[in-house]
Amino acid sequence: MQASVYELLERHGVPRRDVSDRFDEVVHVLTAALGACSRVVVHRTVIELFREYSQRVDFSYEDSLRDRLTVLKESVVSGHLLPKRLREDSTLDSVLRPEAFGATVNPGTVSHEYSSLYRMKKGVRT
């Protein structure tokens, strides 16, 4: 099912990487192709996004999904939330340190190896 939806979106000029940025267009394409059934797909997608960021799903099927996505985005940005897939595969420090992603630190600049609260954990020496 997921592959079919992405394929449908690609045919209508919405590549997979742009789905989150072009949410309104995605909803329009799905509605044109699936009719009222598209609401189920969009609703399930929004629920999965909330779960991915460990946020409580406190809205119903009839609520505005656009408003719920706005609330989620604000929570993610203000709370510096990471999706589960990043939390499970890495530590907080590997996400906060640019070296963990292959970025290089410019010579002559001061590097803060532990830019988070990790260094304050009991027993960790920096």
PDB file of N, CA and C in Angstrom:
ATOM      1  N   MET A   1       0.822  -1.190   0.000  1.00  0.00           N
ATOM      2  CA  MET A   1       0.000   0.000   0.000  1.00  0.00           C
ATOM      3  C   MET A   1       0.868   1.257   0.000  1.00  0.00           C
ATOM      4  N   GLN A   2       1.874   1.291   0.853  1.00  0.00           N
ATOM      5  CA  GLN A   2       2.742   2.458   0.959  1.00  0.00           C
ATOM      6  C   GLN A   2       3.446   2.738  -0.370  1.00  0.00           C
ATOM      7  N   ALA A   3       3.957   1.703  -1.000  1.00  0.00           N
ATOM      8  CA  ALA A   3       4.639   1.883  -2.282  1.00  0.00           C
ATOM      9  C   ALA A   3       3.672   2.417  -3.338  1.00  0.00           C
ATOM     10  N   SER A   4       2.435   1.959  -3.296  1.00  0.00           N
ATOM     11  CA  SER A   4       1.430   2.434  -4.256  1.00  0.00           C
ATOM     12  C   SER A   4       1.138   3.916  -4.068  1.00  0.00           C
ATOM     13  N   VAL A   5       1.068   4.349  -2.825  1.00  0.00           N
ATOM     14  CA  VAL A   5       0.808   5.763  -2.544  1.00  0.00           C
ATOM     15  C   VAL A   5       1.967   6.615  -3.034  1.00  0.00           C
ATOM     16  N   TYR A   6       3.191   6.196  -2.746  1.00  0.00           N
ATOM     17  CA  TYR A   6       4.357   6.959  -3.215  1.00  0.00           C
ATOM     18  C   TYR A   6       4.415   6.991  -4.740  1.00  0.00           C
ATOM     19  N   GLU A   7       4.064   5.890  -5.361  1.00  0.00           N
ATOM     20  CA  GLU A   7       4.048   5.829  -6.821  1.00  0.00           C
ATOM     21  C   GLU A   7       3.007   6.800  -7.389  1.00  0.00           C
ATOM     22  N   LEU A   8       1.840   6.837  -6.789  1.00  0.00           N
ATOM     23  CA  LEU A   8       0.788   7.759  -7.206  1.00  0.00           C
ATOM     24  C   LEU A   8       1.252   9.214  -7.065  1.00  0.00           C
ATOM     25  N   LEU A   9       1.883   9.513  -5.958  1.00  0.00           N
ATOM     26  CA  LEU A   9       2.372  10.877  -5.734  1.00  0.00           C
ATOM     27  C   LEU A   9       3.461  11.251  -6.734  1.00  0.00           C
ATOM     28  N   GLU A  10       4.355  10.317  -7.015  1.00  0.00           N
ATOM     29  CA  GLU A  10       5.416  10.564  -8.005  1.00  0.00           C
ATOM     30  C   GLU A  10       4.821  10.893  -9.369  1.00  0.00           C
ATOM     31  N   ARG A  11       3.779  10.155  -9.758  1.00  0.00           N
ATOM     32  CA  ARG A  11       3.133  10.405 -11.054  1.00  0.00           C
ATOM     33  C   ARG A  11       2.498  11.790 -11.118  1.00  0.00           C
ATOM     34  N   HIS A  12       2.155  12.336  -9.968  1.00  0.00           N
ATOM     35  CA  HIS A  12       1.554  13.668  -9.925  1.00  0.00           C
ATOM     36  C   HIS A  12       2.572  14.749  -9.534  1.00  0.00           C
ATOM     37  N   GLY A  13       3.839  14.436  -9.651  1.00  0.00           N
ATOM     38  CA  GLY A  13       4.887  15.429  -9.442  1.00  0.00           C
ATOM     39  C   GLY A  13       5.275  15.715  -8.013  1.00  0.00           C
ATOM     40  N   VAL A  14       4.978  14.802  -7.101  1.00  0.00           N
ATOM     41  CA  VAL A  14       5.367  14.979  -5.700  1.00  0.00           C
ATOM     42  C   VAL A  14       6.333  13.859  -5.337  1.00  0.00           C
ATOM     43  N   PRO A  15       7.646  14.125  -5.423  1.00  0.00           N
ATOM     44  CA  PRO A  15       8.609  13.081  -5.065  1.00  0.00           C
ATOM     45  C   PRO A  15       8.547  12.752  -3.568  1.00  0.00           C
ATOM     46  N   ARG A  16       8.966  11.566  -3.234  1.00  0.00           N
ATOM     47  CA  ARG A  16       8.907  11.074  -1.846  1.00  0.00           C
ATOM     48  C   ARG A  16       9.568  12.031  -0.865  1.00  0.00           C
ATOM     49  N   ARG A  17      10.676  12.619  -1.251  1.00  0.00           N
ATOM     50  CA  ARG A  17      11.409  13.507  -0.335  1.00  0.00           C
ATOM     51  C   ARG A  17      10.658  14.803  -0.049  1.00  0.00           C
ATOM     52  N   ASP A  18       9.666  15.159  -0.886  1.00  0.00           N
ATOM     53  CA  ASP A  18       8.920  16.405  -0.711  1.00  0.00           C
ATOM     54  C   ASP A  18       7.555  16.219  -0.071  1.00  0.00           C
ATOM     55  N   VAL A  19       7.214  15.009   0.309  1.00  0.00           N
ATOM     56  CA  VAL A  19       5.875  14.735   0.831  1.00  0.00           C
ATOM     57  C   VAL A  19       5.573  15.589   2.059  1.00  0.00           C
ATOM     58  N   SER A  20       6.483  15.667   3.002  1.00  0.00           N
ATOM     59  CA  SER A  20       6.205  16.435   4.226  1.00  0.00           C
ATOM     60  C   SER A  20       6.118  17.932   3.961  1.00  0.00           C
ATOM     61  N   ASP A  21       6.894  18.437   3.020  1.00  0.00           N
ATOM     62  CA  ASP A  21       6.867  19.868   2.716  1.00  0.00           C
ATOM     63  C   ASP A  21       5.646  20.271   1.900  1.00  0.00           C
ATOM     64  N   ARG A  22       5.078  19.334   1.177  1.00  0.00           N
ATOM     65  CA  ARG A  22       3.946  19.626   0.288  1.00  0.00           C
ATOM     66  C   ARG A  22       2.694  18.851   0.722  1.00  0.00           C
ATOM     67  N   PHE A  23       2.444  18.873   2.013  1.00  0.00           N
ATOM     68  CA  PHE A  23       1.361  18.088   2.597  1.00  0.00           C
ATOM     69  C   PHE A  23       0.009  18.413   1.964  1.00  0.00           C
ATOM     70  N   ASP A  24      -0.287  19.687   1.770  1.00  0.00           N
ATOM     71  CA  ASP A  24      -1.582  20.064   1.184  1.00  0.00           C
ATOM     72  C   ASP A  24      -1.745  19.491  -0.219  1.00  0.00           C
ATOM     73  N   GLU A  25      -0.661  19.511  -0.988  1.00  0.00           N
ATOM     74  CA  GLU A  25      -0.710  18.955  -2.338  1.00  0.00           C
ATOM     75  C   GLU A  25      -0.887  17.430  -2.296  1.00  0.00           C
ATOM     76  N   VAL A  26      -0.235  16.784  -1.337  1.00  0.00           N
ATOM     77  CA  VAL A  26      -0.374  15.334  -1.161  1.00  0.00           C
ATOM     78  C   VAL A  26      -1.833  14.988  -0.866  1.00  0.00           C
ATOM     79  N   VAL A  27      -2.444  15.740   0.037  1.00  0.00           N
ATOM     80  CA  VAL A  27      -3.848  15.495   0.375  1.00  0.00           C
ATOM     81  C   VAL A  27      -4.728  15.689  -0.855  1.00  0.00           C
ATOM     82  N   HIS A  28      -4.450  16.720  -1.637  1.00  0.00           N
ATOM     83  CA  HIS A  28      -5.238  16.980  -2.852  1.00  0.00           C
ATOM     84  C   HIS A  28      -5.111  15.820  -3.843  1.00  0.00           C
ATOM     85  N   VAL A  29      -3.894  15.332  -4.072  1.00  0.00           N
ATOM     86  CA  VAL A  29      -3.676  14.220  -5.010  1.00  0.00           C
ATOM     87  C   VAL A  29      -4.379  12.962  -4.514  1.00  0.00           C
ATOM     88  N   LEU A  30      -4.241  12.667  -3.231  1.00  0.00           N
ATOM     89  CA  LEU A  30      -4.881  11.475  -2.680  1.00  0.00           C
ATOM     90  C   LEU A  30      -6.404  11.576  -2.747  1.00  0.00           C
ATOM     91  N   THR A  31      -6.935  12.761  -2.485  1.00  0.00           N
ATOM     92  CA  THR A  31      -8.381  12.948  -2.545  1.00  0.00           C
ATOM     93  C   THR A  31      -8.891  12.777  -3.970  1.00  0.00           C
ATOM     94  N   ALA A  32      -8.142  13.301  -4.937  1.00  0.00           N
ATOM     95  CA  ALA A  32      -8.552  13.160  -6.333  1.00  0.00           C
ATOM     96  C   ALA A  32      -8.522  11.696  -6.775  1.00  0.00           C
ATOM     97  N   ALA A  33      -7.549  10.945  -6.269  1.00  0.00           N
ATOM     98  CA  ALA A  33      -7.401   9.549  -6.697  1.00  0.00           C
ATOM     99  C   ALA A  33      -8.272   8.584  -5.894  1.00  0.00           C
ATOM    100  N   LEU A  34      -8.394   8.820  -4.593  1.00  0.00           N
ATOM    101  CA  LEU A  34      -9.077   7.861  -3.724  1.00  0.00           C
ATOM    102  C   LEU A  34     -10.419   8.342  -3.201  1.00  0.00           C
ATOM    103  N   GLY A  35     -10.735   9.595  -3.431  1.00  0.00           N
ATOM    104  CA  GLY A  35     -11.989  10.146  -2.920  1.00  0.00           C
ATOM    105  C   GLY A  35     -11.964  10.268  -1.406  1.00  0.00           C
ATOM    106  N   ALA A  36     -13.089  10.018  -0.803  1.00  0.00           N
ATOM    107  CA  ALA A  36     -13.221  10.157   0.652  1.00  0.00           C
ATOM    108  C   ALA A  36     -12.340   9.169   1.413  1.00  0.00           C
ATOM    109  N   CYS A  37     -11.952   8.090   0.781  1.00  0.00           N
ATOM    110  CA  CYS A  37     -11.095   7.087   1.433  1.00  0.00           C
ATOM    111  C   CYS A  37      -9.707   7.643   1.741  1.00  0.00           C
ATOM    112  N   SER A  38      -9.317   8.690   1.053  1.00  0.00           N
ATOM    113  CA  SER A  38      -7.994   9.272   1.285  1.00  0.00           C
ATOM    114  C   SER A  38      -7.855   9.795   2.707  1.00  0.00           C
ATOM    115  N   ARG A  39      -8.960  10.180   3.308  1.00  0.00           N
ATOM    116  CA  ARG A  39      -8.932  10.691   4.689  1.00  0.00           C
ATOM    117  C   ARG A  39      -8.372   9.630   5.632  1.00  0.00           C
ATOM    118  N   VAL A  40      -8.690   8.379   5.395  1.00  0.00           N
ATOM    119  CA  VAL A  40      -8.190   7.288   6.236  1.00  0.00           C
ATOM    120  C   VAL A  40      -6.670   7.196   6.124  1.00  0.00           C
ATOM    121  N   VAL A  41      -6.147   7.270   4.907  1.00  0.00           N
ATOM    122  CA  VAL A  41      -4.705   7.188   4.681  1.00  0.00           C
ATOM    123  C   VAL A  41      -3.999   8.367   5.351  1.00  0.00           C
ATOM    124  N   VAL A  42      -4.523   9.563   5.165  1.00  0.00           N
ATOM    125  CA  VAL A  42      -3.904  10.764   5.737  1.00  0.00           C
ATOM    126  C   VAL A  42      -3.986  10.719   7.261  1.00  0.00           C
ATOM    127  N   HIS A  43      -5.123  10.315   7.795  1.00  0.00           N
ATOM    128  CA  HIS A  43      -5.293  10.238   9.248  1.00  0.00           C
ATOM    129  C   HIS A  43      -4.301   9.250   9.860  1.00  0.00           C
ATOM    130  N   ARG A  44      -4.164   8.071   9.251  1.00  0.00           N
ATOM    131  CA  ARG A  44      -3.210   7.075   9.759  1.00  0.00           C
ATOM    132  C   ARG A  44      -1.770   7.591   9.680  1.00  0.00           C
ATOM    133  N   THR A  45      -1.465   8.330   8.626  1.00  0.00           N
ATOM    134  CA  THR A  45      -0.125   8.891   8.473  1.00  0.00           C
ATOM    135  C   THR A  45       0.175   9.889   9.587  1.00  0.00           C
ATOM    136  N   VAL A  46      -0.768  10.745   9.886  1.00  0.00           N
ATOM    137  CA  VAL A  46      -0.573  11.738  10.948  1.00  0.00           C
ATOM    138  C   VAL A  46      -0.434  11.042  12.299  1.00  0.00           C
ATOM    139  N   ILE A  47      -1.220  10.010  12.537  1.00  0.00           N
ATOM    140  CA  ILE A  47      -1.102   9.252  13.788  1.00  0.00           C
ATOM    141  C   ILE A  47       0.297   8.640  13.906  1.00  0.00           C
ATOM    142  N   GLU A  48       0.795   8.065  12.831  1.00  0.00           N
ATOM    143  CA  GLU A  48       2.132   7.461  12.853  1.00  0.00           C
ATOM    144  C   GLU A  48       3.215   8.510  13.096  1.00  0.00           C
ATOM    145  N   LEU A  49       3.039   9.705  12.550  1.00  0.00           N
ATOM    146  CA  LEU A  49       3.993  10.785  12.817  1.00  0.00           C
ATOM    147  C   LEU A  49       4.007  11.144  14.300  1.00  0.00           C
ATOM    148  N   PHE A  50       2.837  11.243  14.908  1.00  0.00           N
ATOM    149  CA  PHE A  50       2.761  11.541  16.333  1.00  0.00           C
ATOM    150  C   PHE A  50       3.450  10.447  17.138  1.00  0.00           C
ATOM    151  N   ARG A  51       3.235   9.198  16.774  1.00  0.00           N
ATOM    152  CA  ARG A  51       3.881   8.091  17.492  1.00  0.00           C
ATOM    153  C   ARG A  51       5.387   8.083  17.280  1.00  0.00           C
ATOM    154  N   GLU A  52       5.822   8.439  16.091  1.00  0.00           N
ATOM    155  CA  GLU A  52       7.257   8.472  15.794  1.00  0.00           C
ATOM    156  C   GLU A  52       7.986   9.459  16.705  1.00  0.00           C
ATOM    157  N   TYR A  53       7.315  10.544  17.060  1.00  0.00           N
ATOM    158  CA  TYR A  53       7.907  11.544  17.945  1.00  0.00           C
ATOM    159  C   TYR A  53       7.427  11.390  19.383  1.00  0.00           C
ATOM    160  N   SER A  54       6.834  10.240  19.702  1.00  0.00           N
ATOM    161  CA  SER A  54       6.362   9.906  21.048  1.00  0.00           C
ATOM    162  C   SER A  54       5.425  10.968  21.613  1.00  0.00           C
ATOM    163  N   GLN A  55       4.548  11.466  20.788  1.00  0.00           N
ATOM    164  CA  GLN A  55       3.559  12.444  21.214  1.00  0.00           C
ATOM    165  C   GLN A  55       2.209  11.765  21.358  1.00  0.00           C
ATOM    166  N   ARG A  56       1.442  12.234  22.311  1.00  0.00           N
ATOM    167  CA  ARG A  56       0.131  11.659  22.573  1.00  0.00           C
ATOM    168  C   ARG A  56      -0.822  11.988  21.424  1.00  0.00           C
ATOM    169  N   VAL A  57      -1.534  10.987  20.964  1.00  0.00           N
ATOM    170  CA  VAL A  57      -2.538  11.172  19.911  1.00  0.00           C
ATOM    171  C   VAL A  57      -3.837  11.553  20.614  1.00  0.00           C
ATOM    172  N   ASP A  58      -4.111  12.845  20.646  1.00  0.00           N
ATOM    173  CA  ASP A  58      -5.282  13.340  21.372  1.00  0.00           C
ATOM    174  C   ASP A  58      -6.256  14.058  20.437  1.00  0.00           C
ATOM    175  N   PHE A  59      -6.421  13.501  19.255  1.00  0.00           N
ATOM    176  CA  PHE A  59      -7.358  14.079  18.302  1.00  0.00           C
ATOM    177  C   PHE A  59      -8.162  12.963  17.662  1.00  0.00           C
ATOM    178  N   SER A  60      -9.305  13.348  17.133  1.00  0.00           N
ATOM    179  CA  SER A  60     -10.194  12.354  16.548  1.00  0.00           C
ATOM    180  C   SER A  60     -10.114  12.397  15.027  1.00  0.00           C
ATOM    181  N   TYR A  61     -10.839  11.528  14.414  1.00  0.00           N
ATOM    182  CA  TYR A  61     -10.868  11.410  12.961  1.00  0.00           C
ATOM    183  C   TYR A  61     -11.416  12.678  12.311  1.00  0.00           C
ATOM    184  N   GLU A  62     -12.286  13.388  13.003  1.00  0.00           N
ATOM    185  CA  GLU A  62     -12.930  14.574  12.438  1.00  0.00           C
ATOM    186  C   GLU A  62     -12.104  15.846  12.607  1.00  0.00           C
ATOM    187  N   ASP A  63     -11.088  15.846  13.451  1.00  0.00           N
ATOM    188  CA  ASP A  63     -10.276  17.047  13.692  1.00  0.00           C
ATOM    189  C   ASP A  63      -9.495  17.450  12.454  1.00  0.00           C
ATOM    190  N   SER A  64      -9.080  18.704  12.417  1.00  0.00           N
ATOM    191  CA  SER A  64      -8.273  19.215  11.309  1.00  0.00           C
ATOM    192  C   SER A  64      -6.865  18.621  11.385  1.00  0.00           C
ATOM    193  N   LEU A  65      -6.516  17.827  10.396  1.00  0.00           N
ATOM    194  CA  LEU A  65      -5.199  17.194  10.386  1.00  0.00           C
ATOM    195  C   LEU A  65      -4.113  18.220  10.102  1.00  0.00           C
ATOM    196  N   ARG A  66      -4.410  19.237   9.335  1.00  0.00           N
ATOM    197  CA  ARG A  66      -3.457  20.317   9.072  1.00  0.00           C
ATOM    198  C   ARG A  66      -3.077  20.996  10.390  1.00  0.00           C
ATOM    199  N   ASP A  67      -4.080  21.282  11.243  1.00  0.00           N
ATOM    200  CA  ASP A  67      -3.813  21.898  12.545  1.00  0.00           C
ATOM    201  C   ASP A  67      -3.000  20.969  13.435  1.00  0.00           C
ATOM    202  N   ARG A  68      -3.299  19.683  13.394  1.00  0.00           N
ATOM    203  CA  ARG A  68      -2.561  18.721  14.219  1.00  0.00           C
ATOM    204  C   ARG A  68      -1.100  18.632  13.784  1.00  0.00           C
ATOM    205  N   LEU A  69      -0.856  18.691  12.481  1.00  0.00           N
ATOM    206  CA  LEU A  69       0.527  18.674  11.998  1.00  0.00           C
ATOM    207  C   LEU A  69       1.271  19.932  12.417  1.00  0.00           C
ATOM    208  N   THR A  70       0.583  21.055  12.430  1.00  0.00           N
ATOM    209  CA  THR A  70       1.207  22.300  12.882  1.00  0.00           C
ATOM    210  C   THR A  70       1.601  22.197  14.355  1.00  0.00           C
ATOM    211  N   VAL A  71       0.715  21.642  15.161  1.00  0.00           N
ATOM    212  CA  VAL A  71       1.010  21.442  16.585  1.00  0.00           C
ATOM    213  C   VAL A  71       2.206  20.506  16.755  1.00  0.00           C
ATOM    214  N   LEU A  72       2.234  19.421  15.990  1.00  0.00           N
ATOM    215  CA  LEU A  72       3.351  18.479  16.067  1.00  0.00           C
ATOM    216  C   LEU A  72       4.659  19.159  15.681  1.00  0.00           C
ATOM    217  N   LYS A  73       4.637  19.917  14.611  1.00  0.00           N
ATOM    218  CA  LYS A  73       5.852  20.604  14.155  1.00  0.00           C
ATOM    219  C   LYS A  73       6.372  21.558  15.227  1.00  0.00           C
ATOM    220  N   GLU A  74       5.472  22.308  15.853  1.00  0.00           N
ATOM    221  CA  GLU A  74       5.871  23.229  16.914  1.00  0.00           C
ATOM    222  C   GLU A  74       6.463  22.478  18.105  1.00  0.00           C
ATOM    223  N   SER A  75       5.880  21.333  18.451  1.00  0.00           N
ATOM    224  CA  SER A  75       6.404  20.523  19.556  1.00  0.00           C
ATOM    225  C   SER A  75       7.789  19.988  19.232  1.00  0.00           C
ATOM    226  N   VAL A  76       7.978  19.522  18.016  1.00  0.00           N
ATOM    227  CA  VAL A  76       9.266  18.963  17.604  1.00  0.00           C
ATOM    228  C   VAL A  76      10.337  20.046  17.628  1.00  0.00           C
ATOM    229  N   VAL A  77      10.020  21.215  17.085  1.00  0.00           N
ATOM    230  CA  VAL A  77      11.003  22.301  17.017  1.00  0.00           C
ATOM    231  C   VAL A  77      11.304  22.853  18.407  1.00  0.00           C
ATOM    232  N   SER A  78      10.276  23.136  19.199  1.00  0.00           N
ATOM    233  CA  SER A  78      10.504  23.741  20.516  1.00  0.00           C
ATOM    234  C   SER A  78      11.103  22.754  21.507  1.00  0.00           C
ATOM    235  N   GLY A  79      10.765  21.482  21.379  1.00  0.00           N
ATOM    236  CA  GLY A  79      11.279  20.491  22.314  1.00  0.00           C
ATOM    237  C   GLY A  79      12.498  19.746  21.827  1.00  0.00           C
ATOM    238  N   HIS A  80      13.014  20.098  20.643  1.00  0.00           N
ATOM    239  CA  HIS A  80      14.179  19.421  20.055  1.00  0.00           C
ATOM    240  C   HIS A  80      13.966  17.910  20.059  1.00  0.00           C
ATOM    241  N   LEU A  81      12.786  17.472  19.646  1.00  0.00           N
ATOM    242  CA  LEU A  81      12.446  16.058  19.668  1.00  0.00           C
ATOM    243  C   LEU A  81      13.077  15.329  18.488  1.00  0.00           C
ATOM    244  N   LEU A  82      13.493  14.116  18.741  1.00  0.00           N
ATOM    245  CA  LEU A  82      14.050  13.256  17.704  1.00  0.00           C
ATOM    246  C   LEU A  82      13.063  12.138  17.408  1.00  0.00           C
ATOM    247  N   PRO A  83      12.979  11.728  16.151  1.00  0.00           N
ATOM    248  CA  PRO A  83      12.116  10.580  15.854  1.00  0.00           C
ATOM    249  C   PRO A  83      12.707   9.312  16.453  1.00  0.00           C
ATOM    250  N   LYS A  84      11.862   8.321  16.699  1.00  0.00           N
ATOM    251  CA  LYS A  84      12.306   7.066  17.311  1.00  0.00           C
ATOM    252  C   LYS A  84      13.437   6.420  16.536  1.00  0.00           C
ATOM    253  N   ARG A  85      13.373   6.496  15.215  1.00  0.00           N
ATOM    254  CA  ARG A  85      14.398   5.824  14.407  1.00  0.00           C
ATOM    255  C   ARG A  85      15.785   6.408  14.679  1.00  0.00           C
ATOM    256  N   LEU A  86      15.886   7.678  15.023  1.00  0.00           N
ATOM    257  CA  LEU A  86      17.189   8.258  15.358  1.00  0.00           C
ATOM    258  C   LEU A  86      17.568   7.962  16.801  1.00  0.00           C
ATOM    259  N   ARG A  87      16.600   7.937  17.686  1.00  0.00           N
ATOM    260  CA  ARG A  87      16.903   7.650  19.095  1.00  0.00           C
ATOM    261  C   ARG A  87      17.367   6.227  19.279  1.00  0.00           C
ATOM    262  N   GLU A  88      16.821   5.304  18.522  1.00  0.00           N
ATOM    263  CA  GLU A  88      17.180   3.900  18.685  1.00  0.00           C
ATOM    264  C   GLU A  88      18.542   3.590  18.088  1.00  0.00           C
ATOM    265  N   ASP A  89      18.944   4.318  17.058  1.00  0.00           N
ATOM    266  CA  ASP A  89      20.189   4.022  16.364  1.00  0.00           C
ATOM    267  C   ASP A  89      21.382   4.826  16.857  1.00  0.00           C
ATOM    268  N   SER A  90      21.149   5.785  17.723  1.00  0.00           N
ATOM    269  CA  SER A  90      22.250   6.634  18.135  1.00  0.00           C
ATOM    270  C   SER A  90      22.019   7.161  19.536  1.00  0.00           C
ATOM    271  N   THR A  91      23.042   7.789  20.057  1.00  0.00           N
ATOM    272  CA  THR A  91      22.920   8.452  21.343  1.00  0.00           C
ATOM    273  C   THR A  91      22.668   9.926  21.094  1.00  0.00           C
ATOM    274  N   LEU A  92      22.238  10.620  22.118  1.00  0.00           N
ATOM    275  CA  LEU A  92      21.959  12.044  21.980  1.00  0.00           C
ATOM    276  C   LEU A  92      23.214  12.793  21.553  1.00  0.00           C
ATOM    277  N   ASP A  93      24.352  12.429  22.104  1.00  0.00           N
ATOM    278  CA  ASP A  93      25.580  13.133  21.761  1.00  0.00           C
ATOM    279  C   ASP A  93      25.999  12.910  20.324  1.00  0.00           C
ATOM    280  N   SER A  94      25.744  11.730  19.779  1.00  0.00           N
ATOM    281  CA  SER A  94      26.113  11.519  18.385  1.00  0.00           C
ATOM    282  C   SER A  94      25.236  12.346  17.462  1.00  0.00           C
ATOM    283  N   VAL A  95      24.031  12.682  17.905  1.00  0.00           N
ATOM    284  CA  VAL A  95      23.160  13.536  17.108  1.00  0.00           C
ATOM    285  C   VAL A  95      23.577  14.990  17.237  1.00  0.00           C
ATOM    286  N   LEU A  96      24.011  15.390  18.432  1.00  0.00           N
ATOM    287  CA  LEU A  96      24.374  16.788  18.661  1.00  0.00           C
ATOM    288  C   LEU A  96      25.760  17.138  18.142  1.00  0.00           C
ATOM    289  N   ARG A  97      26.642  16.153  18.021  1.00  0.00           N
ATOM    290  CA  ARG A  97      28.003  16.419  17.579  1.00  0.00           C
ATOM    291  C   ARG A  97      28.095  16.285  16.071  1.00  0.00           C
ATOM    292  N   PRO A  98      28.531  17.331  15.367  1.00  0.00           N
ATOM    293  CA  PRO A  98      28.607  17.268  13.912  1.00  0.00           C
ATOM    294  C   PRO A  98      29.580  16.207  13.414  1.00  0.00           C
ATOM    295  N   GLU A  99      30.581  15.851  14.216  1.00  0.00           N
ATOM    296  CA  GLU A  99      31.553  14.854  13.779  1.00  0.00           C
ATOM    297  C   GLU A  99      30.890  13.498  13.581  1.00  0.00           C
ATOM    298  N   ALA A 100      29.789  13.264  14.276  1.00  0.00           N
ATOM    299  CA  ALA A 100      29.104  11.977  14.175  1.00  0.00           C
ATOM    300  C   ALA A 100      28.506  11.765  12.785  1.00  0.00           C
ATOM    301  N   PHE A 101      28.274  12.844  12.063  1.00  0.00           N
ATOM    302  CA  PHE A 101      27.697  12.742  10.732  1.00  0.00           C
ATOM    303  C   PHE A 101      28.728  12.970   9.647  1.00  0.00           C
ATOM    304  N   GLY A 102      30.007  12.911  10.001  1.00  0.00           N
ATOM    305  CA  GLY A 102      31.053  13.045   9.012  1.00  0.00           C
ATOM    306  C   GLY A 102      31.466  14.482   8.754  1.00  0.00           C
ATOM    307  N   ALA A 103      30.897  15.436   9.490  1.00  0.00           N
ATOM    308  CA  ALA A 103      31.288  16.833   9.312  1.00  0.00           C
ATOM    309  C   ALA A 103      32.648  17.056   9.950  1.00  0.00           C
ATOM    310  N   THR A 104      33.402  17.958   9.403  1.00  0.00           N
ATOM    311  CA  THR A 104      34.718  18.237   9.945  1.00  0.00           C
ATOM    312  C   THR A 104      34.680  19.541  10.716  1.00  0.00           C
ATOM    313  N   VAL A 105      35.485  19.591  11.749  1.00  0.00           N
ATOM    314  CA  VAL A 105      35.608  20.807  12.542  1.00  0.00           C
ATOM    315  C   VAL A 105      36.763  21.600  11.964  1.00  0.00           C
ATOM    316  N   ASN A 106      36.548  22.887  11.751  1.00  0.00           N
ATOM    317  CA  ASN A 106      37.593  23.728  11.178  1.00  0.00           C
ATOM    318  C   ASN A 106      38.777  23.808  12.121  1.00  0.00           C
ATOM    319  N   PRO A 107      40.007  23.676  11.588  1.00  0.00           N
ATOM    320  CA  PRO A 107      41.177  23.788  12.444  1.00  0.00           C
ATOM    321  C   PRO A 107      41.225  25.179  13.067  1.00  0.00           C
ATOM    322  N   GLY A 108      41.648  25.230  14.309  1.00  0.00           N
ATOM    323  CA  GLY A 108      41.757  26.500  14.998  1.00  0.00           C
ATOM    324  C   GLY A 108      40.495  26.884  15.745  1.00  0.00           C
ATOM    325  N   THR A 109      39.421  26.148  15.549  1.00  0.00           N
ATOM    326  CA  THR A 109      38.203  26.444  16.299  1.00  0.00           C
ATOM    327  C   THR A 109      38.143  25.542  17.505  1.00  0.00           C
ATOM    328  N   VAL A 110      37.467  26.001  18.511  1.00  0.00           N
ATOM    329  CA  VAL A 110      37.320  25.212  19.718  1.00  0.00           C
ATOM    330  C   VAL A 110      36.199  24.209  19.500  1.00  0.00           C
ATOM    331  N   SER A 111      36.488  22.961  19.779  1.00  0.00           N
ATOM    332  CA  SER A 111      35.487  21.912  19.625  1.00  0.00           C
ATOM    333  C   SER A 111      34.968  21.533  21.001  1.00  0.00           C
ATOM    334  N   HIS A 112      33.675  21.579  21.180  1.00  0.00           N
ATOM    335  CA  HIS A 112      33.066  21.143  22.426  1.00  0.00           C
ATOM    336  C   HIS A 112      32.628  19.708  22.226  1.00  0.00           C
ATOM    337  N   GLU A 113      33.448  18.787  22.735  1.00  0.00           N
ATOM    338  CA  GLU A 113      33.179  17.386  22.465  1.00  0.00           C
ATOM    339  C   GLU A 113      31.825  16.957  23.002  1.00  0.00           C
ATOM    340  N   TYR A 114      31.475  17.424  24.175  1.00  0.00           N
ATOM    341  CA  TYR A 114      30.185  17.081  24.756  1.00  0.00           C
ATOM    342  C   TYR A 114      29.363  18.353  24.858  1.00  0.00           C
ATOM    343  N   SER A 115      28.595  18.636  23.797  1.00  0.00           N
ATOM    344  CA  SER A 115      27.829  19.867  23.779  1.00  0.00           C
ATOM    345  C   SER A 115      26.483  19.720  24.480  1.00  0.00           C
ATOM    346  N   SER A 116      26.187  18.539  24.998  1.00  0.00           N
ATOM    347  CA  SER A 116      24.910  18.334  25.679  1.00  0.00           C
ATOM    348  C   SER A 116      25.162  18.131  27.165  1.00  0.00           C
ATOM    349  N   LEU A 117      24.179  17.622  27.844  1.00  0.00           N
ATOM    350  CA  LEU A 117      24.295  17.358  29.275  1.00  0.00           C
ATOM    351  C   LEU A 117      24.964  16.022  29.562  1.00  0.00           C
ATOM    352  N   TYR A 118      25.405  15.315  28.532  1.00  0.00           N
ATOM    353  CA  TYR A 118      26.019  14.001  28.703  1.00  0.00           C
ATOM    354  C   TYR A 118      27.201  14.059  29.665  1.00  0.00           C
ATOM    355  N   ARG A 119      27.982  15.130  29.568  1.00  0.00           N
ATOM    356  CA  ARG A 119      29.176  15.228  30.410  1.00  0.00           C
ATOM    357  C   ARG A 119      28.825  15.329  31.887  1.00  0.00           C
ATOM    358  N   MET A 120      27.592  15.677  32.213  1.00  0.00           N
ATOM    359  CA  MET A 120      27.171  15.808  33.603  1.00  0.00           C
ATOM    360  C   MET A 120      26.685  14.488  34.184  1.00  0.00           C
ATOM    361  N   LYS A 121      26.613  13.457  33.342  1.00  0.00           N
ATOM    362  CA  LYS A 121      26.182  12.170  33.848  1.00  0.00           C
ATOM    363  C   LYS A 121      27.196  11.636  34.847  1.00  0.00           C
ATOM    364  N   LYS A 122      26.718  10.956  35.816  1.00  0.00           N
ATOM    365  CA  LYS A 122      27.557  10.423  36.879  1.00  0.00           C
ATOM    366  C   LYS A 122      28.592   9.458  36.317  1.00  0.00           C
ATOM    367  N   GLY A 123      29.840   9.694  36.627  1.00  0.00           N
ATOM    368  CA  GLY A 123      30.898   8.786  36.214  1.00  0.00           C
ATOM    369  C   GLY A 123      31.519   9.084  34.868  1.00  0.00           C
ATOM    370  N   VAL A 124      31.060  10.078  34.145  1.00  0.00           N
ATOM    371  CA  VAL A 124      31.626  10.413  32.841  1.00  0.00           C
ATOM    372  C   VAL A 124      32.652  11.519  33.026  1.00  0.00           C
ATOM    373  N   ARG A 125      33.860  11.262  32.557  1.00  0.00           N
ATOM    374  CA  ARG A 125      34.934  12.267  32.670  1.00  0.00           C
ATOM    375  C   ARG A 125      35.190  12.851  31.293  1.00  0.00           C
ATOM    376  N   THR A 126      35.343  14.164  31.268  1.00  0.00           N
ATOM    377  CA  THR A 126      35.627  14.823  29.984  1.00  0.00           C
ATOM    378  C   THR A 126      36.983  15.474  30.019  1.00  0.00           C
TER     379      THR A 126
END
